[in-house]
C-alpha cells in the first residue's frame, strides 16, 4: 500500500514541504517588491504618475509569482489560497488608478 492510501494527509504534507522549498525565493521577491513599492508610494504622494506604475508592478509581481507557484505545487487549492492577495492587489491598484487624473 502506498503512503497516501494509508493516510490521506500524507500527500498534503508532501505538497507543503515542496512549497517550503520555494520560500526563500518568495520571501526575497516580496521584500524587494515591498522596498521598491515604497518608492512608488512616495512618488504618488508627490502626485507623480510614475509612482503609480512602479506601485502597480511591485504590487502585482509578487502576487503573480506566488499564485503561479501555489498553483504549480497545490493545484486548485493554490489558486484558492492566492485569491485574497489577488483581490487586495486589484482593489488597491484600482483605487490608486482612480487618482491618476490628479497626478502629473
Protein backbone atom coordinates (compact mmCIF):
# COMPACT_ATOMS: atom_id res chain seq x y z
CA UNK A 1 0.00 0.00 0.00
CA UNK A 2 1.15 3.49 -0.83
CA UNK A 3 1.62 6.01 1.99
CA UNK A 4 -1.07 8.29 0.56
CA UNK A 5 -3.56 5.42 0.79
CA UNK A 6 -2.72 4.85 4.45
CA UNK A 7 -3.07 8.48 5.44
CA UNK A 8 -4.84 10.94 3.11
CA UNK A 9 -2.96 13.85 4.69
CA UNK A 10 0.40 12.42 3.67
CA UNK A 11 0.07 13.84 0.14
CA UNK A 12 -0.81 17.25 1.52
CA UNK A 13 2.28 17.25 3.76
CA UNK A 14 4.42 16.37 0.75
CA UNK A 15 2.94 19.35 -1.13
CA UNK A 16 3.55 21.69 1.80
CA UNK A 17 7.18 20.54 2.01
CA UNK A 18 7.53 21.22 -1.74
CA UNK A 19 6.09 24.69 -1.18
CA UNK A 20 8.63 25.35 1.58
CA UNK A 21 11.43 24.81 -0.96
CA UNK A 22 10.23 27.96 -2.73
CA UNK A 23 10.05 30.03 0.46
CA UNK A 24 13.46 31.76 0.14
CA UNK A 25 12.61 32.86 -3.41
CA UNK A 26 9.12 34.01 -2.45
CA UNK A 27 10.41 35.94 0.56
CA UNK A 28 13.18 37.63 -1.46
CA UNK A 29 10.74 38.69 -4.19
CA UNK A 30 8.30 40.02 -1.59
CA UNK A 31 10.94 42.01 0.30
CA UNK A 32 12.46 43.56 -2.83
CA UNK A 33 9.00 44.40 -4.17
CA UNK A 34 7.96 45.96 -0.84
CA UNK A 35 11.01 48.22 -0.77
CA UNK A 36 10.51 49.36 -4.37
CA UNK A 37 6.78 49.69 -3.67
CA UNK A 38 7.51 52.31 -1.01
CA UNK A 39 9.45 54.30 -3.61
CA UNK A 40 6.39 54.20 -5.85
CA UNK A 41 4.19 55.34 -2.99
CA UNK A 42 6.49 58.28 -2.30
CA UNK A 43 6.24 59.35 -5.95
CA UNK A 44 2.45 59.06 -5.78
CA UNK A 45 2.45 61.13 -2.59
CA UNK A 46 4.25 63.77 -4.65
CA UNK A 47 1.49 63.37 -7.31
CA UNK A 48 3.79 61.87 -9.93
CA UNK A 49 2.28 59.26 -12.26
CA UNK A 50 5.49 57.25 -12.45
CA UNK A 51 4.82 56.28 -8.83
CA UNK A 52 1.60 54.54 -9.79
CA UNK A 53 3.35 52.44 -12.42
CA UNK A 54 6.13 51.50 -10.00
CA UNK A 55 3.48 50.65 -7.41
CA UNK A 56 1.42 48.55 -9.83
CA UNK A 57 4.39 46.46 -10.99
CA UNK A 58 5.70 45.91 -7.48
CA UNK A 59 2.22 45.11 -6.20
CA UNK A 60 1.41 42.56 -8.90
CA UNK A 61 4.79 40.86 -9.44
CA UNK A 62 4.81 39.04 -6.07
CA UNK A 63 1.11 38.20 -6.35
CA UNK A 64 1.59 36.62 -9.77
CA UNK A 65 4.74 34.74 -8.72
CA UNK A 66 3.11 33.44 -5.52
CA UNK A 67 -0.04 32.42 -7.42
CA UNK A 68 1.88 30.54 -10.11
CA UNK A 69 3.98 28.67 -7.57
CA UNK A 70 0.97 27.92 -5.36
CA UNK A 71 -0.92 26.57 -8.37
CA UNK A 72 2.08 24.56 -9.55
CA UNK A 73 2.52 22.90 -6.16
CA UNK A 74 -1.02 22.78 -4.75
CA UNK A 75 -3.22 22.89 -7.86
CA UNK A 76 -6.70 24.31 -7.36
CA UNK A 77 -6.10 24.78 -3.64
CA UNK A 78 -3.20 27.07 -4.52
CA UNK A 79 -5.44 29.26 -6.64
CA UNK A 80 -7.97 29.40 -3.83
CA UNK A 81 -5.25 30.36 -1.34
CA UNK A 82 -3.95 33.18 -3.54
CA UNK A 83 -7.41 34.66 -4.19
CA UNK A 84 -7.35 37.11 -1.22
CA UNK A 85 -3.98 38.53 -2.35
CA UNK A 86 -5.30 38.98 -5.89
CA UNK A 87 -8.45 40.72 -4.64
CA UNK A 88 -6.50 43.09 -2.37
CA UNK A 89 -4.00 43.95 -5.12
CA UNK A 90 -6.85 44.51 -7.57
CA UNK A 91 -8.77 46.80 -5.21
CA UNK A 92 -5.78 48.96 -4.25
CA UNK A 93 -4.48 49.21 -7.82
CA UNK A 94 -7.95 50.25 -8.99
CA UNK A 95 -8.34 52.82 -6.20
CA UNK A 96 -4.94 54.36 -6.91
CA UNK A 97 -5.72 54.33 -10.66
CA UNK A 98 -8.80 56.44 -9.98
CA UNK A 99 -6.49 59.21 -8.83
CA UNK A 100 -4.19 59.16 -11.88
CA UNK A 101 -6.03 62.21 -13.24
CA UNK A 102 -4.66 64.23 -10.31
CA UNK A 103 -1.05 63.18 -10.99
CA UNK A 104 1.37 64.66 -13.48
